[in-house]
Amino acid sequence: SGPDLEAAGRYVAQELVLLVQAGLLRRHAPQGLADA
């Protein structure tokens, strides 16, 4: 909470996006591409 969470804001955004991208590629892209 507070300043500690705010200071981690960029990491939170990055992890959210990478997890969503990984999920999309694992569901819809060729396996070799998703695994890579």
PDB file of all heavy atoms in Angstrom:
ATOM      1  N   SER A   1       0.841  -1.199   0.000  1.00  0.00           N
ATOM      2  CA  SER A   1       0.000   0.000   0.000  1.00  0.00           C
ATOM      3  C   SER A   1       0.869   1.240   0.000  1.00  0.00           C
ATOM      4  O   SER A   1       2.087   1.176   0.233  1.00  0.00           O
ATOM      5  CB  SER A   1      -0.927  -0.001   1.224  1.00  0.00           C
ATOM      6  OG  SER A   1      -0.147  -0.004   2.416  1.00  0.00           O
ATOM      7  N   GLY A   2       0.226   2.364  -0.279  1.00  0.00           N
ATOM      8  CA  GLY A   2       0.889   3.650  -0.196  1.00  0.00           C
ATOM      9  C   GLY A   2       2.083   3.777  -1.125  1.00  0.00           C
ATOM     10  O   GLY A   2       2.085   3.261  -2.254  1.00  0.00           O
ATOM     11  N   PRO A   3       3.141   4.448  -0.657  1.00  0.00           N
ATOM     12  CA  PRO A   3       4.309   4.686  -1.511  1.00  0.00           C
ATOM     13  C   PRO A   3       4.971   3.406  -2.010  1.00  0.00           C
ATOM     14  O   PRO A   3       5.535   3.393  -3.111  1.00  0.00           O
ATOM     15  CB  PRO A   3       5.253   5.477  -0.593  1.00  0.00           C
ATOM     16  CG  PRO A   3       4.370   6.100   0.434  1.00  0.00           C
ATOM     17  CD  PRO A   3       3.258   5.121   0.653  1.00  0.00           C
ATOM     18  N   ASP A   4       4.934   2.332  -1.225  1.00  0.00           N
ATOM     19  CA  ASP A   4       5.576   1.082  -1.652  1.00  0.00           C
ATOM     20  C   ASP A   4       4.910   0.527  -2.906  1.00  0.00           C
ATOM     21  O   ASP A   4       5.589   0.086  -3.842  1.00  0.00           O
ATOM     22  CB  ASP A   4       5.521   0.043  -0.532  1.00  0.00           C
ATOM     23  CG  ASP A   4       6.396   0.416   0.658  1.00  0.00           C
ATOM     24  OD1 ASP A   4       7.362   1.180   0.447  1.00  0.00           O
ATOM     25  OD2 ASP A   4       6.099  -0.034   1.781  1.00  0.00           O
ATOM     26  N   LEU A   5       3.580   0.549  -2.922  1.00  0.00           N
ATOM     27  CA  LEU A   5       2.868   0.056  -4.094  1.00  0.00           C
ATOM     28  C   LEU A   5       3.053   0.997  -5.273  1.00  0.00           C
ATOM     29  O   LEU A   5       3.282   0.556  -6.409  1.00  0.00           O
ATOM     30  CB  LEU A   5       1.378  -0.106  -3.778  1.00  0.00           C
ATOM     31  CG  LEU A   5       0.501  -0.602  -4.947  1.00  0.00           C
ATOM     32  CD1 LEU A   5       0.995  -1.931  -5.494  1.00  0.00           C
ATOM     33  CD2 LEU A   5      -0.956  -0.701  -4.512  1.00  0.00           C
ATOM     34  N   GLU A   6       2.981   2.298  -5.020  1.00  0.00           N
ATOM     35  CA  GLU A   6       3.151   3.259  -6.111  1.00  0.00           C
ATOM     36  C   GLU A   6       4.524   3.112  -6.758  1.00  0.00           C
ATOM     37  O   GLU A   6       4.660   3.181  -7.981  1.00  0.00           O
ATOM     38  CB  GLU A   6       2.967   4.673  -5.580  1.00  0.00           C
ATOM     39  CG  GLU A   6       3.060   5.745  -6.653  1.00  0.00           C
ATOM     40  CD  GLU A   6       2.739   7.132  -6.121  1.00  0.00           C
ATOM     41  OE1 GLU A   6       1.779   7.261  -5.330  1.00  0.00           O
ATOM     42  OE2 GLU A   6       3.463   8.080  -6.487  1.00  0.00           O
ATOM     43  N   ALA A   7       5.553   2.905  -5.939  1.00  0.00           N
ATOM     44  CA  ALA A   7       6.906   2.756  -6.474  1.00  0.00           C
ATOM     45  C   ALA A   7       7.036   1.522  -7.355  1.00  0.00           C
ATOM     46  O   ALA A   7       7.912   1.466  -8.229  1.00  0.00           O
ATOM     47  CB  ALA A   7       7.921   2.687  -5.330  1.00  0.00           C
ATOM     48  N   ALA A   8       6.175   0.530  -7.151  1.00  0.00           N
ATOM     49  CA  ALA A   8       6.219  -0.704  -7.933  1.00  0.00           C
ATOM     50  C   ALA A   8       5.282  -0.654  -9.128  1.00  0.00           C
ATOM     51  O   ALA A   8       5.075  -1.679  -9.794  1.00  0.00           O
ATOM     52  CB  ALA A   8       5.863  -1.896  -7.040  1.00  0.00           C
ATOM     53  N   GLY A   9       4.700   0.510  -9.438  1.00  0.00           N
ATOM     54  CA  GLY A   9       3.671   0.613 -10.467  1.00  0.00           C
ATOM     55  C   GLY A   9       4.117   0.112 -11.826  1.00  0.00           C
ATOM     56  O   GLY A   9       3.351  -0.552 -12.532  1.00  0.00           O
ATOM     57  N   ARG A  10       5.343   0.418 -12.214  1.00  0.00           N
ATOM     58  CA  ARG A  10       5.814  -0.019 -13.537  1.00  0.00           C
ATOM     59  C   ARG A  10       5.943  -1.539 -13.594  1.00  0.00           C
ATOM     60  O   ARG A  10       5.623  -2.151 -14.615  1.00  0.00           O
ATOM     61  CB  ARG A  10       7.145   0.651 -13.872  1.00  0.00           C
ATOM     62  CG  ARG A  10       7.003   2.120 -14.235  1.00  0.00           C
ATOM     63  CD  ARG A  10       8.269   2.696 -14.813  1.00  0.00           C
ATOM     64  NE  ARG A  10       8.008   4.024 -15.394  1.00  0.00           N
ATOM     65  CZ  ARG A  10       8.619   4.500 -16.456  1.00  0.00           C
ATOM     66  NH1 ARG A  10       9.542   3.785 -17.081  1.00  0.00           N
ATOM     67  NH2 ARG A  10       8.328   5.700 -16.933  1.00  0.00           N
ATOM     68  N   TYR A  11       6.407  -2.119 -12.524  1.00  0.00           N
ATOM     69  CA  TYR A  11       6.537  -3.573 -12.508  1.00  0.00           C
ATOM     70  C   TYR A  11       5.167  -4.238 -12.573  1.00  0.00           C
ATOM     71  O   TYR A  11       4.979  -5.239 -13.270  1.00  0.00           O
ATOM     72  CB  TYR A  11       7.281  -4.019 -11.249  1.00  0.00           C
ATOM     73  CG  TYR A  11       7.536  -5.508 -11.185  1.00  0.00           C
ATOM     74  CD1 TYR A  11       8.593  -6.075 -11.898  1.00  0.00           C
ATOM     75  CD2 TYR A  11       6.709  -6.344 -10.448  1.00  0.00           C
ATOM     76  CE1 TYR A  11       8.829  -7.437 -11.853  1.00  0.00           C
ATOM     77  CE2 TYR A  11       6.926  -7.702 -10.403  1.00  0.00           C
ATOM     78  CZ  TYR A  11       7.987  -8.246 -11.104  1.00  0.00           C
ATOM     79  OH  TYR A  11       8.196  -9.601 -11.080  1.00  0.00           O
ATOM     80  N   VAL A  12       4.197  -3.678 -11.862  1.00  0.00           N
ATOM     81  CA  VAL A  12       2.835  -4.221 -11.897  1.00  0.00           C
ATOM     82  C   VAL A  12       2.291  -4.191 -13.325  1.00  0.00           C
ATOM     83  O   VAL A  12       1.743  -5.186 -13.824  1.00  0.00           O
ATOM     84  CB  VAL A  12       1.913  -3.423 -10.951  1.00  0.00           C
ATOM     85  CG1 VAL A  12       0.440  -3.806 -11.176  1.00  0.00           C
ATOM     86  CG2 VAL A  12       2.299  -3.676  -9.504  1.00  0.00           C
ATOM     87  N   ALA A  13       2.438  -3.045 -13.998  1.00  0.00           N
ATOM     88  CA  ALA A  13       1.934  -2.930 -15.369  1.00  0.00           C
ATOM     89  C   ALA A  13       2.643  -3.911 -16.294  1.00  0.00           C
ATOM     90  O   ALA A  13       2.010  -4.578 -17.123  1.00  0.00           O
ATOM     91  CB  ALA A  13       2.099  -1.496 -15.873  1.00  0.00           C
ATOM     92  N   GLN A  14       3.953  -4.005 -16.175  1.00  0.00           N
ATOM     93  CA  GLN A  14       4.720  -4.929 -17.009  1.00  0.00           C
ATOM     94  C   GLN A  14       4.258  -6.365 -16.813  1.00  0.00           C
ATOM     95  O   GLN A  14       4.026  -7.101 -17.785  1.00  0.00           O
ATOM     96  CB  GLN A  14       6.204  -4.822 -16.655  1.00  0.00           C
ATOM     97  CG  GLN A  14       7.078  -5.922 -17.263  1.00  0.00           C
ATOM     98  CD  GLN A  14       8.448  -5.970 -16.637  1.00  0.00           C
ATOM     99  OE1 GLN A  14       9.250  -5.077 -16.877  1.00  0.00           O
ATOM    100  NE2 GLN A  14       8.727  -6.987 -15.836  1.00  0.00           N
ATOM    101  N   GLU A  15       4.122  -6.795 -15.568  1.00  0.00           N
ATOM    102  CA  GLU A  15       3.746  -8.183 -15.300  1.00  0.00           C
ATOM    103  C   GLU A  15       2.337  -8.489 -15.784  1.00  0.00           C
ATOM    104  O   GLU A  15       2.073  -9.575 -16.314  1.00  0.00           O
ATOM    105  CB  GLU A  15       3.877  -8.482 -13.804  1.00  0.00           C
ATOM    106  CG  GLU A  15       5.313  -8.535 -13.328  1.00  0.00           C
ATOM    107  CD  GLU A  15       6.112  -9.615 -14.048  1.00  0.00           C
ATOM    108  OE1 GLU A  15       5.883 -10.808 -13.798  1.00  0.00           O
ATOM    109  OE2 GLU A  15       6.964  -9.263 -14.889  1.00  0.00           O
ATOM    110  N   LEU A  16       1.436  -7.549 -15.611  1.00  0.00           N
ATOM    111  CA  LEU A  16       0.080  -7.751 -16.121  1.00  0.00           C
ATOM    112  C   LEU A  16       0.090  -7.996 -17.625  1.00  0.00           C
ATOM    113  O   LEU A  16      -0.530  -8.935 -18.128  1.00  0.00           O
ATOM    114  CB  LEU A  16      -0.794  -6.534 -15.804  1.00  0.00           C
ATOM    115  CG  LEU A  16      -1.587  -6.528 -14.501  1.00  0.00           C
ATOM    116  CD1 LEU A  16      -2.314  -5.201 -14.347  1.00  0.00           C
ATOM    117  CD2 LEU A  16      -2.574  -7.688 -14.440  1.00  0.00           C
ATOM    118  N   VAL A  17       0.801  -7.143 -18.341  1.00  0.00           N
ATOM    119  CA  VAL A  17       0.821  -7.249 -19.797  1.00  0.00           C
ATOM    120  C   VAL A  17       1.496  -8.541 -20.237  1.00  0.00           C
ATOM    121  O   VAL A  17       0.985  -9.262 -21.104  1.00  0.00           O
ATOM    122  CB  VAL A  17       1.513  -6.029 -20.428  1.00  0.00           C
ATOM    123  CG1 VAL A  17       1.684  -6.226 -21.935  1.00  0.00           C
ATOM    124  CG2 VAL A  17       0.691  -4.776 -20.170  1.00  0.00           C
ATOM    125  N   LEU A  18       2.633  -8.872 -19.655  1.00  0.00           N
ATOM    126  CA  LEU A  18       3.342 -10.083 -20.070  1.00  0.00           C
ATOM    127  C   LEU A  18       2.528 -11.338 -19.789  1.00  0.00           C
ATOM    128  O   LEU A  18       2.514 -12.275 -20.598  1.00  0.00           O
ATOM    129  CB  LEU A  18       4.701 -10.161 -19.374  1.00  0.00           C
ATOM    130  CG  LEU A  18       5.779  -9.203 -19.883  1.00  0.00           C
ATOM    131  CD1 LEU A  18       7.031  -9.297 -19.030  1.00  0.00           C
ATOM    132  CD2 LEU A  18       6.118  -9.506 -21.349  1.00  0.00           C
ATOM    133  N   LEU A  19       1.842 -11.379 -18.662  1.00  0.00           N
ATOM    134  CA  LEU A  19       1.001 -12.540 -18.352  1.00  0.00           C
ATOM    135  C   LEU A  19      -0.157 -12.653 -19.340  1.00  0.00           C
ATOM    136  O   LEU A  19      -0.500 -13.760 -19.793  1.00  0.00           O
ATOM    137  CB  LEU A  19       0.477 -12.445 -16.920  1.00  0.00           C
ATOM    138  CG  LEU A  19       1.503 -12.745 -15.820  1.00  0.00           C
ATOM    139  CD1 LEU A  19       0.983 -12.296 -14.463  1.00  0.00           C
ATOM    140  CD2 LEU A  19       1.845 -14.245 -15.797  1.00  0.00           C
ATOM    141  N   VAL A  20      -0.770 -11.527 -19.673  1.00  0.00           N
ATOM    142  CA  VAL A  20      -1.868 -11.559 -20.649  1.00  0.00           C
ATOM    143  C   VAL A  20      -1.346 -11.963 -22.023  1.00  0.00           C
ATOM    144  O   VAL A  20      -1.954 -12.793 -22.718  1.00  0.00           O
ATOM    145  CB  VAL A  20      -2.578 -10.194 -20.710  1.00  0.00           C
ATOM    146  CG1 VAL A  20      -3.528 -10.131 -21.903  1.00  0.00           C
ATOM    147  CG2 VAL A  20      -3.347  -9.938 -19.418  1.00  0.00           C
ATOM    148  N   GLN A  21      -0.219 -11.395 -22.439  1.00  0.00           N
ATOM    149  CA  GLN A  21       0.350 -11.761 -23.737  1.00  0.00           C
ATOM    150  C   GLN A  21       0.715 -13.241 -23.782  1.00  0.00           C
ATOM    151  O   GLN A  21       0.452 -13.926 -24.779  1.00  0.00           O
ATOM    152  CB  GLN A  21       1.586 -10.905 -24.028  1.00  0.00           C
ATOM    153  CG  GLN A  21       1.262  -9.465 -24.382  1.00  0.00           C
ATOM    154  CD  GLN A  21       2.506  -8.638 -24.665  1.00  0.00           C
ATOM    155  OE1 GLN A  21       3.556  -8.830 -24.041  1.00  0.00           O
ATOM    156  NE2 GLN A  21       2.413  -7.702 -25.594  1.00  0.00           N
ATOM    157  N   ALA A  22       1.301 -13.742 -22.709  1.00  0.00           N
ATOM    158  CA  ALA A  22       1.649 -15.166 -22.671  1.00  0.00           C
ATOM    159  C   ALA A  22       0.395 -16.024 -22.799  1.00  0.00           C
ATOM    160  O   ALA A  22       0.376 -17.028 -23.534  1.00  0.00           O
ATOM    161  CB  ALA A  22       2.392 -15.489 -21.379  1.00  0.00           C
ATOM    162  N   GLY A  23      -0.675 -15.635 -22.101  1.00  0.00           N
ATOM    163  CA  GLY A  23      -1.922 -16.395 -22.190  1.00  0.00           C
ATOM    164  C   GLY A  23      -2.524 -16.372 -23.582  1.00  0.00           C
ATOM    165  O   GLY A  23      -2.982 -17.394 -24.094  1.00  0.00           O
ATOM    166  N   LEU A  24      -2.520 -15.199 -24.215  1.00  0.00           N
ATOM    167  CA  LEU A  24      -3.064 -15.089 -25.570  1.00  0.00           C
ATOM    168  C   LEU A  24      -2.274 -15.942 -26.553  1.00  0.00           C
ATOM    169  O   LEU A  24      -2.852 -16.653 -27.390  1.00  0.00           O
ATOM    170  CB  LEU A  24      -3.051 -13.625 -26.015  1.00  0.00           C
ATOM    171  CG  LEU A  24      -4.066 -12.688 -25.350  1.00  0.00           C
ATOM    172  CD1 LEU A  24      -3.767 -11.239 -25.705  1.00  0.00           C
ATOM    173  CD2 LEU A  24      -5.489 -13.056 -25.753  1.00  0.00           C
ATOM    174  N   LEU A  25      -0.950 -15.883 -26.478  1.00  0.00           N
ATOM    175  CA  LEU A  25      -0.132 -16.655 -27.413  1.00  0.00           C
ATOM    176  C   LEU A  25      -0.246 -18.155 -27.141  1.00  0.00           C
ATOM    177  O   LEU A  25      -0.277 -18.952 -28.090  1.00  0.00           O
ATOM    178  CB  LEU A  25       1.327 -16.206 -27.321  1.00  0.00           C
ATOM    179  CG  LEU A  25       1.610 -14.771 -27.770  1.00  0.00           C
ATOM    180  CD1 LEU A  25       3.095 -14.455 -27.654  1.00  0.00           C
ATOM    181  CD2 LEU A  25       1.141 -14.527 -29.198  1.00  0.00           C
ATOM    182  N   ARG A  26      -0.323 -18.547 -25.885  1.00  0.00           N
ATOM    183  CA  ARG A  26      -0.445 -19.979 -25.580  1.00  0.00           C
ATOM    184  C   ARG A  26      -1.784 -20.530 -26.042  1.00  0.00           C
ATOM    185  O   ARG A  26      -1.891 -21.703 -26.408  1.00  0.00           O
ATOM    186  CB  ARG A  26      -0.253 -20.221 -24.086  1.00  0.00           C
ATOM    187  CG  ARG A  26       1.168 -19.918 -23.607  1.00  0.00           C
ATOM    188  CD  ARG A  26       1.320 -20.168 -22.117  1.00  0.00           C
ATOM    189  NE  ARG A  26       1.373 -21.594 -21.845  1.00  0.00           N
ATOM    190  CZ  ARG A  26       0.679 -22.221 -20.906  1.00  0.00           C
ATOM    191  NH1 ARG A  26      -0.184 -21.539 -20.158  1.00  0.00           N
ATOM    192  NH2 ARG A  26       0.807 -23.501 -20.705  1.00  0.00           N
ATOM    193  N   ARG A  27      -2.814 -19.702 -26.052  1.00  0.00           N
ATOM    194  CA  ARG A  27      -4.130 -20.156 -26.524  1.00  0.00           C
ATOM    195  C   ARG A  27      -4.231 -20.153 -28.041  1.00  0.00           C
ATOM    196  O   ARG A  27      -4.904 -21.013 -28.617  1.00  0.00           O
ATOM    197  CB  ARG A  27      -5.239 -19.266 -25.946  1.00  0.00           C
ATOM    198  CG  ARG A  27      -5.591 -19.548 -24.509  1.00  0.00           C
ATOM    199  CD  ARG A  27      -6.972 -19.024 -24.141  1.00  0.00           C
ATOM    200  NE  ARG A  27      -7.167 -17.616 -24.445  1.00  0.00           N
ATOM    201  CZ  ARG A  27      -6.833 -16.624 -23.628  1.00  0.00           C
ATOM    202  NH1 ARG A  27      -6.262 -16.894 -22.472  1.00  0.00           N
ATOM    203  NH2 ARG A  27      -7.053 -15.370 -23.963  1.00  0.00           N
ATOM    204  N   HIS A  28      -3.585 -19.183 -28.697  1.00  0.00           N
ATOM    205  CA  HIS A  28      -3.929 -18.936 -30.095  1.00  0.00           C
ATOM    206  C   HIS A  28      -2.775 -19.026 -31.080  1.00  0.00           C
ATOM    207  O   HIS A  28      -3.022 -19.177 -32.282  1.00  0.00           O
ATOM    208  CB  HIS A  28      -4.561 -17.547 -30.217  1.00  0.00           C
ATOM    209  CG  HIS A  28      -5.741 -17.329 -29.320  1.00  0.00           C
ATOM    210  ND1 HIS A  28      -6.871 -18.115 -29.389  1.00  0.00           N
ATOM    211  CD2 HIS A  28      -5.964 -16.422 -28.329  1.00  0.00           C
ATOM    212  CE1 HIS A  28      -7.756 -17.694 -28.473  1.00  0.00           C
ATOM    213  NE2 HIS A  28      -7.222 -16.675 -27.825  1.00  0.00           N
ATOM    214  N   ALA A  29      -1.544 -18.915 -30.640  1.00  0.00           N
ATOM    215  CA  ALA A  29      -0.408 -18.948 -31.569  1.00  0.00           C
ATOM    216  C   ALA A  29       0.158 -20.361 -31.672  1.00  0.00           C
ATOM    217  O   ALA A  29      -0.137 -21.217 -30.824  1.00  0.00           O
ATOM    218  CB  ALA A  29       0.680 -17.978 -31.086  1.00  0.00           C
ATOM    219  N   PRO A  30       0.961 -20.645 -32.689  1.00  0.00           N
ATOM    220  CA  PRO A  30       1.621 -21.947 -32.772  1.00  0.00           C
ATOM    221  C   PRO A  30       2.423 -22.221 -31.501  1.00  0.00           C
ATOM    222  O   PRO A  30       3.002 -21.306 -30.900  1.00  0.00           O
ATOM    223  CB  PRO A  30       2.540 -21.802 -33.991  1.00  0.00           C
ATOM    224  CG  PRO A  30       1.877 -20.765 -34.837  1.00  0.00           C
ATOM    225  CD  PRO A  30       1.257 -19.807 -33.867  1.00  0.00           C
ATOM    226  N   GLN A  31       2.479 -23.489 -31.105  1.00  0.00           N
ATOM    227  CA  GLN A  31       3.092 -23.830 -29.824  1.00  0.00           C
ATOM    228  C   GLN A  31       4.555 -23.393 -29.756  1.00  0.00           C
ATOM    229  O   GLN A  31       5.018 -22.897 -28.727  1.00  0.00           O
ATOM    230  CB  GLN A  31       2.992 -25.329 -29.569  1.00  0.00           C
ATOM    231  CG  GLN A  31       3.560 -25.740 -28.213  1.00  0.00           C
ATOM    232  CD  GLN A  31       3.389 -27.206 -27.917  1.00  0.00           C
ATOM    233  OE1 GLN A  31       2.633 -27.901 -28.596  1.00  0.00           O
ATOM    234  NE2 GLN A  31       4.091 -27.699 -26.903  1.00  0.00           N
ATOM    235  N   GLY A  32       5.285 -23.560 -30.856  1.00  0.00           N
ATOM    236  CA  GLY A  32       6.693 -23.176 -30.841  1.00  0.00           C
ATOM    237  C   GLY A  32       6.879 -21.704 -30.556  1.00  0.00           C
ATOM    238  O   GLY A  32       7.803 -21.314 -29.820  1.00  0.00           O
ATOM    239  N   LEU A  33       6.013 -20.871 -31.112  1.00  0.00           N
ATOM    240  CA  LEU A  33       6.091 -19.432 -30.881  1.00  0.00           C
ATOM    241  C   LEU A  33       5.721 -19.100 -29.436  1.00  0.00           C
ATOM    242  O   LEU A  33       6.427 -18.328 -28.764  1.00  0.00           O
ATOM    243  CB  LEU A  33       5.164 -18.715 -31.858  1.00  0.00           C
ATOM    244  CG  LEU A  33       5.235 -17.182 -31.914  1.00  0.00           C
ATOM    245  CD1 LEU A  33       4.805 -16.698 -33.298  1.00  0.00           C
ATOM    246  CD2 LEU A  33       4.359 -16.518 -30.857  1.00  0.00           C
ATOM    247  N   ALA A  34       4.641 -19.700 -28.948  1.00  0.00           N
ATOM    248  CA  ALA A  34       4.211 -19.432 -27.574  1.00  0.00           C
ATOM    249  C   ALA A  34       5.251 -19.903 -26.567  1.00  0.00           C
ATOM    250  O   ALA A  34       5.545 -19.204 -25.582  1.00  0.00           O
ATOM    251  CB  ALA A  34       2.871 -20.106 -27.311  1.00  0.00           C
ATOM    252  N   ASP A  35       5.805 -21.087 -26.791  1.00  0.00           N
ATOM    253  CA  ASP A  35       6.841 -21.596 -25.881  1.00  0.00           C
ATOM    254  C   ASP A  35       8.054 -20.667 -25.866  1.00  0.00           C
ATOM    255  O   ASP A  35       8.651 -20.430 -24.816  1.00  0.00           O
ATOM    256  CB  ASP A  35       7.263 -23.003 -26.299  1.00  0.00           C
ATOM    257  CG  ASP A  35       6.185 -24.043 -26.020  1.00  0.00           C
ATOM    258  OD1 ASP A  35       5.223 -23.732 -25.289  1.00  0.00           O
ATOM    259  OD2 ASP A  35       6.303 -25.169 -26.544  1.00  0.00           O
ATOM    260  N   ALA A  36       8.441 -20.178 -27.050  1.00  0.00           N
ATOM    261  CA  ALA A  36       9.591 -19.280 -27.128  1.00  0.00           C
ATOM    262  C   ALA A  36       9.319 -17.984 -26.371  1.00  0.00           C
ATOM    263  O   ALA A  36      10.219 -17.428 -25.719  1.00  0.00           O
ATOM    264  CB  ALA A  36       9.926 -18.976 -28.587  1.00  0.00           C
TER     265      ALA A  36
END
